């Protein structure tokens, strides 16, 4: 069990690095497919979730390559910087989606 939880030797690490972007890819497809069935207000909310899922796929894909030192990146300027930027962008889109959901059914005051 200890070998299974060791980050450097566990086969679960690579499996999870592949599964997580695939899950977000399925979610992205679900959002794009169901988007057409909703009104314009709901589409604006779904568009924010589409951006969130897209950034999560990109960031998850970059996570598979770890530092990227095998193909030109250095330890100081590694792919982890791009992963962090992707996570910040995904988080921003998720916050935007929450804000849009909060104001989705707002009624104008007379």
PDB file of N, CA and C in Angstrom:
ATOM      1  N   UNK A   1       0.815  -1.203   0.000  1.00  0.00           N
ATOM      2  CA  UNK A   1       0.000   0.000   0.000  1.00  0.00           C
ATOM      3  C   UNK A   1       0.855   1.263   0.000  1.00  0.00           C
ATOM      4  N   UNK A   2       1.993   1.204   0.668  1.00  0.00           N
ATOM      5  CA  UNK A   2       2.878   2.365   0.732  1.00  0.00           C
ATOM      6  C   UNK A   2       3.420   2.682  -0.651  1.00  0.00           C
ATOM      7  N   UNK A   3       3.766   1.652  -1.432  1.00  0.00           N
ATOM      8  CA  UNK A   3       4.264   1.872  -2.790  1.00  0.00           C
ATOM      9  C   UNK A   3       3.214   2.518  -3.676  1.00  0.00           C
ATOM     10  N   UNK A   4       1.979   2.215  -3.422  1.00  0.00           N
ATOM     11  CA  UNK A   4       0.892   2.767  -4.209  1.00  0.00           C
ATOM     12  C   UNK A   4       0.712   4.264  -3.941  1.00  0.00           C
ATOM     13  N   UNK A   5       1.094   4.721  -2.774  1.00  0.00           N
ATOM     14  CA  UNK A   5       0.933   6.119  -2.413  1.00  0.00           C
ATOM     15  C   UNK A   5       2.201   6.946  -2.595  1.00  0.00           C
ATOM     16  N   UNK A   6       3.314   6.307  -2.961  1.00  0.00           N
ATOM     17  CA  UNK A   6       4.556   7.031  -3.197  1.00  0.00           C
ATOM     18  C   UNK A   6       4.475   7.740  -4.546  1.00  0.00           C
ATOM     19  N   UNK A   7       4.666   9.057  -4.539  1.00  0.00           N
ATOM     20  CA  UNK A   7       4.483   9.855  -5.752  1.00  0.00           C
ATOM     21  C   UNK A   7       5.475   9.493  -6.853  1.00  0.00           C
ATOM     22  N   UNK A   8       6.675   9.112  -6.500  1.00  0.00           N
ATOM     23  CA  UNK A   8       7.711   8.848  -7.499  1.00  0.00           C
ATOM     24  C   UNK A   8       7.590   7.481  -8.155  1.00  0.00           C
ATOM     25  N   UNK A   9       6.960   6.509  -7.495  1.00  0.00           N
ATOM     26  CA  UNK A   9       6.917   5.150  -8.041  1.00  0.00           C
ATOM     27  C   UNK A   9       5.512   4.638  -8.309  1.00  0.00           C
ATOM     28  N   UNK A  10       4.489   5.321  -7.857  1.00  0.00           N
ATOM     29  CA  UNK A  10       3.135   4.806  -7.973  1.00  0.00           C
ATOM     30  C   UNK A  10       2.598   4.912  -9.403  1.00  0.00           C
ATOM     31  N   UNK A  11       1.959   3.850  -9.895  1.00  0.00           N
ATOM     32  CA  UNK A  11       1.324   3.926 -11.216  1.00  0.00           C
ATOM     33  C   UNK A  11       0.062   4.785 -11.186  1.00  0.00           C
ATOM     34  N   UNK A  12      -0.469   5.048 -10.005  1.00  0.00           N
ATOM     35  CA  UNK A  12      -1.668   5.879  -9.898  1.00  0.00           C
ATOM     36  C   UNK A  12      -1.421   7.313 -10.349  1.00  0.00           C
ATOM     37  N   UNK A  13      -0.206   7.789 -10.207  1.00  0.00           N
ATOM     38  CA  UNK A  13       0.106   9.172 -10.563  1.00  0.00           C
ATOM     39  C   UNK A  13      -0.169   9.405 -12.042  1.00  0.00           C
ATOM     40  N   UNK A  14       0.390   8.592 -12.908  1.00  0.00           N
ATOM     41  CA  UNK A  14       0.178   8.756 -14.345  1.00  0.00           C
ATOM     42  C   UNK A  14      -1.278   8.502 -14.720  1.00  0.00           C
ATOM     43  N   UNK A  15      -1.887   7.519 -14.102  1.00  0.00           N
ATOM     44  CA  UNK A  15      -3.294   7.224 -14.394  1.00  0.00           C
ATOM     45  C   UNK A  15      -4.167   8.422 -14.057  1.00  0.00           C
ATOM     46  N   UNK A  16      -3.961   9.018 -12.890  1.00  0.00           N
ATOM     47  CA  UNK A  16      -4.756  10.179 -12.497  1.00  0.00           C
ATOM     48  C   UNK A  16      -4.456  11.398 -13.358  1.00  0.00           C
ATOM     49  N   UNK A  17      -3.189  11.552 -13.774  1.00  0.00           N
ATOM     50  CA  UNK A  17      -2.837  12.669 -14.642  1.00  0.00           C
ATOM     51  C   UNK A  17      -3.520  12.556 -15.999  1.00  0.00           C
ATOM     52  N   UNK A  18      -3.843  11.351 -16.417  1.00  0.00           N
ATOM     53  CA  UNK A  18      -4.537  11.147 -17.690  1.00  0.00           C
ATOM     54  C   UNK A  18      -6.049  11.215 -17.499  1.00  0.00           C
ATOM     55  N   UNK A  19      -6.554  10.657 -16.418  1.00  0.00           N
ATOM     56  CA  UNK A  19      -8.004  10.592 -16.205  1.00  0.00           C
ATOM     57  C   UNK A  19      -8.619  11.965 -15.958  1.00  0.00           C
ATOM     58  N   UNK A  20      -7.962  12.802 -15.188  1.00  0.00           N
ATOM     59  CA  UNK A  20      -8.545  14.106 -14.840  1.00  0.00           C
ATOM     60  C   UNK A  20      -8.810  14.978 -16.076  1.00  0.00           C
ATOM     61  N   UNK A  21      -7.855  15.171 -17.007  1.00  0.00           N
ATOM     62  CA  UNK A  21      -8.196  15.946 -18.210  1.00  0.00           C
ATOM     63  C   UNK A  21      -9.292  15.278 -19.051  1.00  0.00           C
ATOM     64  N   UNK A  22      -9.319  13.950 -19.069  1.00  0.00           N
ATOM     65  CA  UNK A  22     -10.377  13.268 -19.818  1.00  0.00           C
ATOM     66  C   UNK A  22     -11.752  13.524 -19.217  1.00  0.00           C
ATOM     67  N   UNK A  23     -11.832  13.563 -17.901  1.00  0.00           N
ATOM     68  CA  UNK A  23     -13.108  13.876 -17.251  1.00  0.00           C
ATOM     69  C   UNK A  23     -13.552  15.288 -17.624  1.00  0.00           C
ATOM     70  N   UNK A  24     -12.634  16.236 -17.571  1.00  0.00           N
ATOM     71  CA  UNK A  24     -12.994  17.604 -17.951  1.00  0.00           C
ATOM     72  C   UNK A  24     -13.327  17.696 -19.434  1.00  0.00           C
ATOM     73  N   UNK A  25     -12.720  16.865 -20.266  1.00  0.00           N
ATOM     74  CA  UNK A  25     -13.064  16.848 -21.688  1.00  0.00           C
ATOM     75  C   UNK A  25     -14.500  16.367 -21.889  1.00  0.00           C
ATOM     76  N   UNK A  26     -14.908  15.358 -21.146  1.00  0.00           N
ATOM     77  CA  UNK A  26     -16.297  14.872 -21.216  1.00  0.00           C
ATOM     78  C   UNK A  26     -17.246  15.954 -20.718  1.00  0.00           C
ATOM     79  N   UNK A  27     -16.875  16.625 -19.634  1.00  0.00           N
ATOM     80  CA  UNK A  27     -17.703  17.709 -19.103  1.00  0.00           C
ATOM     81  C   UNK A  27     -17.824  18.838 -20.122  1.00  0.00           C
ATOM     82  N   UNK A  28     -16.724  19.179 -20.779  1.00  0.00           N
ATOM     83  CA  UNK A  28     -16.757  20.215 -21.806  1.00  0.00           C
ATOM     84  C   UNK A  28     -17.713  19.831 -22.932  1.00  0.00           C
ATOM     85  N   UNK A  29     -17.637  18.593 -23.374  1.00  0.00           N
ATOM     86  CA  UNK A  29     -18.555  18.126 -24.407  1.00  0.00           C
ATOM     87  C   UNK A  29     -20.007  18.192 -23.950  1.00  0.00           C
ATOM     88  N   UNK A  30     -20.242  17.849 -22.705  1.00  0.00           N
ATOM     89  CA  UNK A  30     -21.593  17.918 -22.147  1.00  0.00           C
ATOM     90  C   UNK A  30     -22.103  19.356 -22.145  1.00  0.00           C
ATOM     91  N   UNK A  31     -21.266  20.307 -21.717  1.00  0.00           N
ATOM     92  CA  UNK A  31     -21.667  21.714 -21.702  1.00  0.00           C
ATOM     93  C   UNK A  31     -21.970  22.219 -23.105  1.00  0.00           C
ATOM     94  N   UNK A  32     -21.096  21.899 -24.053  1.00  0.00           N
ATOM     95  CA  UNK A  32     -21.292  22.368 -25.427  1.00  0.00           C
ATOM     96  C   UNK A  32     -22.552  21.749 -26.031  1.00  0.00           C
ATOM     97  N   UNK A  33     -22.793  20.477 -25.755  1.00  0.00           N
ATOM     98  CA  UNK A  33     -23.960  19.798 -26.306  1.00  0.00           C
ATOM     99  C   UNK A  33     -25.263  20.348 -25.730  1.00  0.00           C
ATOM    100  N   UNK A  34     -25.303  20.602 -24.429  1.00  0.00           N
ATOM    101  CA  UNK A  34     -26.546  21.036 -23.797  1.00  0.00           C
ATOM    102  C   UNK A  34     -26.771  22.539 -23.872  1.00  0.00           C
ATOM    103  N   UNK A  35     -25.776  23.278 -24.283  1.00  0.00           N
ATOM    104  CA  UNK A  35     -25.874  24.735 -24.334  1.00  0.00           C
ATOM    105  C   UNK A  35     -27.026  25.204 -25.220  1.00  0.00           C
ATOM    106  N   UNK A  36     -27.265  24.546 -26.298  1.00  0.00           N
ATOM    107  CA  UNK A  36     -28.265  25.002 -27.261  1.00  0.00           C
ATOM    108  C   UNK A  36     -29.702  24.865 -26.764  1.00  0.00           C
ATOM    109  N   UNK A  37     -29.917  24.122 -25.702  1.00  0.00           N
ATOM    110  CA  UNK A  37     -31.268  23.902 -25.199  1.00  0.00           C
ATOM    111  C   UNK A  37     -31.728  24.955 -24.198  1.00  0.00           C
ATOM    112  N   UNK A  38     -30.881  25.909 -23.878  1.00  0.00           N
ATOM    113  CA  UNK A  38     -31.201  26.874 -22.836  1.00  0.00           C
ATOM    114  C   UNK A  38     -31.311  28.286 -23.394  1.00  0.00           C
ATOM    115  N   UNK A  39     -31.896  29.174 -22.587  1.00  0.00           N
ATOM    116  CA  UNK A  39     -32.080  30.569 -22.987  1.00  0.00           C
ATOM    117  C   UNK A  39     -30.740  31.307 -22.977  1.00  0.00           C
ATOM    118  N   UNK A  40     -30.790  32.536 -23.463  1.00  0.00           N
ATOM    119  CA  UNK A  40     -29.564  33.330 -23.575  1.00  0.00           C
ATOM    120  C   UNK A  40     -28.919  33.595 -22.216  1.00  0.00           C
ATOM    121  N   UNK A  41     -29.720  33.840 -21.187  1.00  0.00           N
ATOM    122  CA  UNK A  41     -29.160  34.088 -19.861  1.00  0.00           C
ATOM    123  C   UNK A  41     -28.411  32.859 -19.348  1.00  0.00           C
ATOM    124  N   UNK A  42     -28.986  31.707 -19.549  1.00  0.00           N
ATOM    125  CA  UNK A  42     -28.346  30.479 -19.084  1.00  0.00           C
ATOM    126  C   UNK A  42     -27.111  30.153 -19.927  1.00  0.00           C
ATOM    127  N   UNK A  43     -27.131  30.512 -21.188  1.00  0.00           N
ATOM    128  CA  UNK A  43     -25.971  30.277 -22.060  1.00  0.00           C
ATOM    129  C   UNK A  43     -24.757  31.076 -21.605  1.00  0.00           C
ATOM    130  N   UNK A  44     -24.991  32.277 -21.108  1.00  0.00           N
ATOM    131  CA  UNK A  44     -23.883  33.090 -20.613  1.00  0.00           C
ATOM    132  C   UNK A  44     -23.210  32.386 -19.438  1.00  0.00           C
ATOM    133  N   UNK A  45     -24.017  31.808 -18.558  1.00  0.00           N
ATOM    134  CA  UNK A  45     -23.478  31.042 -17.432  1.00  0.00           C
ATOM    135  C   UNK A  45     -22.729  29.807 -17.926  1.00  0.00           C
ATOM    136  N   UNK A  46     -23.316  29.089 -18.868  1.00  0.00           N
ATOM    137  CA  UNK A  46     -22.688  27.874 -19.397  1.00  0.00           C
ATOM    138  C   UNK A  46     -21.384  28.205 -20.129  1.00  0.00           C
ATOM    139  N   UNK A  47     -21.336  29.352 -20.794  1.00  0.00           N
ATOM    140  CA  UNK A  47     -20.098  29.757 -21.475  1.00  0.00           C
ATOM    141  C   UNK A  47     -18.943  29.923 -20.486  1.00  0.00           C
ATOM    142  N   UNK A  48     -19.248  30.440 -19.301  1.00  0.00           N
ATOM    143  CA  UNK A  48     -18.209  30.554 -18.277  1.00  0.00           C
ATOM    144  C   UNK A  48     -17.729  29.176 -17.835  1.00  0.00           C
ATOM    145  N   UNK A  49     -18.653  28.235 -17.724  1.00  0.00           N
ATOM    146  CA  UNK A  49     -18.270  26.871 -17.358  1.00  0.00           C
ATOM    147  C   UNK A  49     -17.488  26.190 -18.477  1.00  0.00           C
ATOM    148  N   UNK A  50     -17.803  26.531 -19.721  1.00  0.00           N
ATOM    149  CA  UNK A  50     -17.045  25.991 -20.856  1.00  0.00           C
ATOM    150  C   UNK A  50     -15.600  26.483 -20.792  1.00  0.00           C
ATOM    151  N   UNK A  51     -15.415  27.764 -20.505  1.00  0.00           N
ATOM    152  CA  UNK A  51     -14.053  28.294 -20.369  1.00  0.00           C
ATOM    153  C   UNK A  51     -13.322  27.636 -19.210  1.00  0.00           C
ATOM    154  N   UNK A  52     -14.019  27.435 -18.096  1.00  0.00           N
ATOM    155  CA  UNK A  52     -13.420  26.759 -16.946  1.00  0.00           C
ATOM    156  C   UNK A  52     -12.943  25.363 -17.336  1.00  0.00           C
ATOM    157  N   UNK A  53     -13.807  24.595 -18.000  1.00  0.00           N
ATOM    158  CA  UNK A  53     -13.445  23.230 -18.388  1.00  0.00           C
ATOM    159  C   UNK A  53     -12.290  23.228 -19.391  1.00  0.00           C
ATOM    160  N   UNK A  54     -12.276  24.199 -20.315  1.00  0.00           N
ATOM    161  CA  UNK A  54     -11.198  24.264 -21.305  1.00  0.00           C
ATOM    162  C   UNK A  54      -9.855  24.543 -20.629  1.00  0.00           C
ATOM    163  N   UNK A  55      -9.824  25.494 -19.700  1.00  0.00           N
ATOM    164  CA  UNK A  55      -8.576  25.767 -18.980  1.00  0.00           C
ATOM    165  C   UNK A  55      -8.167  24.578 -18.113  1.00  0.00           C
ATOM    166  N   UNK A  56      -9.134  23.867 -17.551  1.00  0.00           N
ATOM    167  CA  UNK A  56      -8.814  22.685 -16.746  1.00  0.00           C
ATOM    168  C   UNK A  56      -8.208  21.581 -17.619  1.00  0.00           C
ATOM    169  N   UNK A  57      -8.687  21.433 -18.848  1.00  0.00           N
ATOM    170  CA  UNK A  57      -8.116  20.440 -19.776  1.00  0.00           C
ATOM    171  C   UNK A  57      -6.685  20.817 -20.138  1.00  0.00           C
ATOM    172  N   UNK A  58      -6.478  22.080 -20.470  1.00  0.00           N
ATOM    173  CA  UNK A  58      -5.130  22.531 -20.847  1.00  0.00           C
ATOM    174  C   UNK A  58      -4.163  22.355 -19.683  1.00  0.00           C
ATOM    175  N   UNK A  59      -4.587  22.772 -18.503  1.00  0.00           N
ATOM    176  CA  UNK A  59      -3.721  22.658 -17.336  1.00  0.00           C
ATOM    177  C   UNK A  59      -3.464  21.204 -16.976  1.00  0.00           C
ATOM    178  N   UNK A  60      -4.487  20.376 -17.056  1.00  0.00           N
ATOM    179  CA  UNK A  60      -4.304  18.952 -16.781  1.00  0.00           C
ATOM    180  C   UNK A  60      -3.389  18.292 -17.797  1.00  0.00           C
ATOM    181  N   UNK A  61      -3.488  18.730 -19.045  1.00  0.00           N
ATOM    182  CA  UNK A  61      -2.587  18.209 -20.074  1.00  0.00           C
ATOM    183  C   UNK A  61      -1.147  18.596 -19.823  1.00  0.00           C
ATOM    184  N   UNK A  62      -0.935  19.829 -19.374  1.00  0.00           N
ATOM    185  CA  UNK A  62       0.428  20.261 -19.042  1.00  0.00           C
ATOM    186  C   UNK A  62       0.970  19.505 -17.840  1.00  0.00           C
ATOM    187  N   UNK A  63       0.097  19.118 -16.947  1.00  0.00           N
ATOM    188  CA  UNK A  63       0.521  18.409 -15.729  1.00  0.00           C
ATOM    189  C   UNK A  63       1.118  17.046 -16.064  1.00  0.00           C
ATOM    190  N   UNK A  64       0.713  16.450 -17.156  1.00  0.00           N
ATOM    191  CA  UNK A  64       1.251  15.146 -17.562  1.00  0.00           C
ATOM    192  C   UNK A  64       2.755  15.237 -17.818  1.00  0.00           C
ATOM    193  N   UNK A  65       3.206  16.382 -18.345  1.00  0.00           N
ATOM    194  CA  UNK A  65       4.613  16.538 -18.710  1.00  0.00           C
ATOM    195  C   UNK A  65       5.495  17.025 -17.566  1.00  0.00           C
ATOM    196  N   UNK A  66       4.939  17.215 -16.385  1.00  0.00           N
ATOM    197  CA  UNK A  66       5.654  17.623 -15.170  1.00  0.00           C
ATOM    198  C   UNK A  66       6.415  18.923 -15.392  1.00  0.00           C
ATOM    199  N   UNK A  67       7.731  18.911 -15.237  1.00  0.00           N
ATOM    200  CA  UNK A  67       8.526  20.140 -15.379  1.00  0.00           C
ATOM    201  C   UNK A  67       8.764  20.515 -16.828  1.00  0.00           C
ATOM    202  N   UNK A  68       8.788  19.538 -17.699  1.00  0.00           N
ATOM    203  CA  UNK A  68       9.094  19.804 -19.099  1.00  0.00           C
ATOM    204  C   UNK A  68      10.572  19.914 -19.378  1.00  0.00           C
ATOM    205  N   UNK A  69      11.406  19.465 -18.434  1.00  0.00           N
ATOM    206  CA  UNK A  69      12.850  19.566 -18.634  1.00  0.00           C
ATOM    207  C   UNK A  69      13.346  18.621 -19.724  1.00  0.00           C
ATOM    208  N   UNK A  70      12.544  17.635 -20.075  1.00  0.00           N
ATOM    209  CA  UNK A  70      12.965  16.687 -21.122  1.00  0.00           C
ATOM    210  C   UNK A  70      12.944  17.323 -22.508  1.00  0.00           C
ATOM    211  N   UNK A  71      12.185  18.389 -22.699  1.00  0.00           N
ATOM    212  CA  UNK A  71      12.086  18.979 -24.033  1.00  0.00           C
ATOM    213  C   UNK A  71      12.269  20.499 -24.024  1.00  0.00           C
ATOM    214  N   UNK A  72      13.283  20.981 -23.278  1.00  0.00           N
ATOM    215  CA  UNK A  72      13.701  22.364 -23.435  1.00  0.00           C
ATOM    216  C   UNK A  72      13.452  23.304 -22.277  1.00  0.00           C
ATOM    217  N   UNK A  73      12.570  22.977 -21.367  1.00  0.00           N
ATOM    218  CA  UNK A  73      12.348  23.846 -20.223  1.00  0.00           C
ATOM    219  C   UNK A  73      13.413  23.584 -19.161  1.00  0.00           C
ATOM    220  N   UNK A  74      13.697  24.591 -18.357  1.00  0.00           N
ATOM    221  CA  UNK A  74      14.651  24.421 -17.263  1.00  0.00           C
ATOM    222  C   UNK A  74      13.878  24.339 -15.947  1.00  0.00           C
ATOM    223  N   UNK A  75      14.571  24.020 -14.874  1.00  0.00           N
ATOM    224  CA  UNK A  75      13.915  23.954 -13.560  1.00  0.00           C
ATOM    225  C   UNK A  75      13.365  25.317 -13.142  1.00  0.00           C
ATOM    226  N   UNK A  76      14.067  26.403 -13.529  1.00  0.00           N
ATOM    227  CA  UNK A  76      13.613  27.741 -13.154  1.00  0.00           C
ATOM    228  C   UNK A  76      12.420  28.182 -13.990  1.00  0.00           C
ATOM    229  N   UNK A  77      12.416  27.844 -15.267  1.00  0.00           N
ATOM    230  CA  UNK A  77      11.335  28.229 -16.174  1.00  0.00           C
ATOM    231  C   UNK A  77      10.644  26.962 -16.679  1.00  0.00           C
ATOM    232  N   UNK A  78       9.967  26.307 -15.792  1.00  0.00           N
ATOM    233  CA  UNK A  78       9.386  25.014 -16.123  1.00  0.00           C
ATOM    234  C   UNK A  78       7.918  25.157 -16.528  1.00  0.00           C
ATOM    235  N   UNK A  79       7.350  24.057 -16.935  1.00  0.00           N
ATOM    236  CA  UNK A  79       5.930  24.022 -17.285  1.00  0.00           C
ATOM    237  C   UNK A  79       5.034  24.279 -16.082  1.00  0.00           C
ATOM    238  N   UNK A  80       5.589  24.165 -14.908  1.00  0.00           N
ATOM    239  CA  UNK A  80       4.778  24.420 -13.703  1.00  0.00           C
ATOM    240  C   UNK A  80       4.289  25.858 -13.659  1.00  0.00           C
ATOM    241  N   UNK A  81       5.042  26.782 -14.259  1.00  0.00           N
ATOM    242  CA  UNK A  81       4.563  28.158 -14.344  1.00  0.00           C
ATOM    243  C   UNK A  81       3.317  28.231 -15.207  1.00  0.00           C
ATOM    244  N   UNK A  82       3.335  27.556 -16.330  1.00  0.00           N
ATOM    245  CA  UNK A  82       2.149  27.551 -17.201  1.00  0.00           C
ATOM    246  C   UNK A  82       0.974  26.837 -16.539  1.00  0.00           C
ATOM    247  N   UNK A  83       1.268  25.788 -15.776  1.00  0.00           N
ATOM    248  CA  UNK A  83       0.212  25.108 -15.034  1.00  0.00           C
ATOM    249  C   UNK A  83      -0.431  26.052 -14.035  1.00  0.00           C
ATOM    250  N   UNK A  84       0.385  26.807 -13.338  1.00  0.00           N
ATOM    251  CA  UNK A  84      -0.136  27.747 -12.346  1.00  0.00           C
ATOM    252  C   UNK A  84      -0.986  28.827 -13.004  1.00  0.00           C
ATOM    253  N   UNK A  85      -0.523  29.337 -14.132  1.00  0.00           N
ATOM    254  CA  UNK A  85      -1.301  30.341 -14.860  1.00  0.00           C
ATOM    255  C   UNK A  85      -2.627  29.740 -15.331  1.00  0.00           C
ATOM    256  N   UNK A  86      -2.591  28.496 -15.795  1.00  0.00           N
ATOM    257  CA  UNK A  86      -3.824  27.813 -16.207  1.00  0.00           C
ATOM    258  C   UNK A  86      -4.782  27.614 -15.054  1.00  0.00           C
ATOM    259  N   UNK A  87      -4.248  27.258 -13.887  1.00  0.00           N
ATOM    260  CA  UNK A  87      -5.107  27.102 -12.709  1.00  0.00           C
ATOM    261  C   UNK A  87      -5.733  28.429 -12.298  1.00  0.00           C
ATOM    262  N   UNK A  88      -4.962  29.515 -12.379  1.00  0.00           N
ATOM    263  CA  UNK A  88      -5.503  30.831 -12.052  1.00  0.00           C
ATOM    264  C   UNK A  88      -6.606  31.214 -13.043  1.00  0.00           C
ATOM    265  N   UNK A  89      -6.378  30.957 -14.333  1.00  0.00           N
ATOM    266  CA  UNK A  89      -7.396  31.266 -15.341  1.00  0.00           C
ATOM    267  C   UNK A  89      -8.650  30.419 -15.137  1.00  0.00           C
ATOM    268  N   UNK A  90      -8.476  29.133 -14.833  1.00  0.00           N
ATOM    269  CA  UNK A  90      -9.631  28.264 -14.579  1.00  0.00           C
ATOM    270  C   UNK A  90     -10.392  28.727 -13.348  1.00  0.00           C
ATOM    271  N   UNK A  91      -9.671  29.109 -12.312  1.00  0.00           N
ATOM    272  CA  UNK A  91     -10.323  29.603 -11.099  1.00  0.00           C
ATOM    273  C   UNK A  91     -11.080  30.894 -11.370  1.00  0.00           C
ATOM    274  N   UNK A  92     -10.484  31.777 -12.164  1.00  0.00           N
ATOM    275  CA  UNK A  92     -11.162  33.021 -12.532  1.00  0.00           C
ATOM    276  C   UNK A  92     -12.442  32.761 -13.298  1.00  0.00           C
ATOM    277  N   UNK A  93     -12.414  31.806 -14.214  1.00  0.00           N
ATOM    278  CA  UNK A  93     -13.626  31.454 -14.973  1.00  0.00           C
ATOM    279  C   UNK A  93     -14.682  30.839 -14.063  1.00  0.00           C
ATOM    280  N   UNK A  94     -14.247  30.069 -13.086  1.00  0.00           N
ATOM    281  CA  UNK A  94     -15.192  29.454 -12.152  1.00  0.00           C
ATOM    282  C   UNK A  94     -15.832  30.520 -11.254  1.00  0.00           C
ATOM    283  N   UNK A  95     -15.037  31.486 -10.817  1.00  0.00           N
ATOM    284  CA  UNK A  95     -15.578  32.593 -10.031  1.00  0.00           C
ATOM    285  C   UNK A  95     -16.545  33.412 -10.879  1.00  0.00           C
ATOM    286  N   UNK A  96     -16.197  33.656 -12.135  1.00  0.00           N
ATOM    287  CA  UNK A  96     -17.079  34.379 -13.048  1.00  0.00           C
ATOM    288  C   UNK A  96     -18.392  33.631 -13.243  1.00  0.00           C
ATOM    289  N   UNK A  97     -18.316  32.316 -13.356  1.00  0.00           N
ATOM    290  CA  UNK A  97     -19.536  31.515 -13.495  1.00  0.00           C
ATOM    291  C   UNK A  97     -20.405  31.641 -12.249  1.00  0.00           C
ATOM    292  N   UNK A  98     -19.783  31.631 -11.077  1.00  0.00           N
ATOM    293  CA  UNK A  98     -20.542  31.812  -9.843  1.00  0.00           C
ATOM    294  C   UNK A  98     -21.193  33.172  -9.774  1.00  0.00           C
ATOM    295  N   UNK A  99     -20.479  34.204 -10.202  1.00  0.00           N
ATOM    296  CA  UNK A  99     -21.036  35.557 -10.222  1.00  0.00           C
ATOM    297  C   UNK A  99     -22.216  35.635 -11.186  1.00  0.00           C
ATOM    298  N   UNK A 100     -22.053  35.048 -12.364  1.00  0.00           N
ATOM    299  CA  UNK A 100     -23.150  35.066 -13.343  1.00  0.00           C
ATOM    300  C   UNK A 100     -24.349  34.273 -12.847  1.00  0.00           C
ATOM    301  N   UNK A 101     -24.110  33.182 -12.156  1.00  0.00           N
ATOM    302  CA  UNK A 101     -25.210  32.410 -11.597  1.00  0.00           C
ATOM    303  C   UNK A 101     -25.932  33.206 -10.513  1.00  0.00           C
ATOM    304  N   UNK A 102     -25.184  33.939  -9.728  1.00  0.00           N
ATOM    305  CA  UNK A 102     -25.769  34.750  -8.669  1.00  0.00           C
ATOM    306  C   UNK A 102     -26.704  35.813  -9.242  1.00  0.00           C
ATOM    307  N   UNK A 103     -26.328  36.380 -10.383  1.00  0.00           N
ATOM    308  CA  UNK A 103     -27.125  37.440 -10.999  1.00  0.00           C
ATOM    309  C   UNK A 103     -27.963  36.955 -12.178  1.00  0.00           C
ATOM    310  N   UNK A 104     -28.145  35.680 -12.299  1.00  0.00           N
ATOM    311  CA  UNK A 104     -28.862  35.116 -13.446  1.00  0.00           C
ATOM    312  C   UNK A 104     -30.342  35.497 -13.452  1.00  0.00           C
ATOM    313  N   UNK A 105     -30.961  35.373 -12.333  1.00  0.00           N
ATOM    314  CA  UNK A 105     -32.408  35.613 -12.265  1.00  0.00           C
ATOM    315  C   UNK A 105     -32.730  36.876 -11.490  1.00  0.00           C
ATOM    316  N   UNK A 106     -31.869  37.858 -11.612  1.00  0.00           N
ATOM    317  CA  UNK A 106     -32.083  39.113 -10.909  1.00  0.00           C
ATOM    318  C   UNK A 106     -33.236  39.865 -11.563  1.00  0.00           C
ATOM    319  N   UNK A 107     -34.117  40.376 -10.738  1.00  0.00           N
ATOM    320  CA  UNK A 107     -35.277  41.120 -11.213  1.00  0.00           C
ATOM    321  C   UNK A 107     -34.990  42.610 -11.023  1.00  0.00           C
ATOM    322  N   UNK A 108     -35.289  43.383 -12.067  1.00  0.00           N
ATOM    323  CA  UNK A 108     -35.068  44.819 -11.955  1.00  0.00           C
ATOM    324  C   UNK A 108     -36.069  45.427 -10.998  1.00  0.00           C
ATOM    325  N   UNK A 109     -35.584  46.304 -10.152  1.00  0.00           N
ATOM    326  CA  UNK A 109     -36.450  46.963  -9.175  1.00  0.00           C
ATOM    327  C   UNK A 109     -37.147  48.141  -9.825  1.00  0.00           C
ATOM    328  N   UNK A 110     -38.446  48.322  -9.541  1.00  0.00           N
ATOM    329  CA  UNK A 110     -39.182  49.441 -10.165  1.00  0.00           C
ATOM    330  C   UNK A 110     -38.793  50.783  -9.603  1.00  0.00           C
TER     331      UNK A 110
END
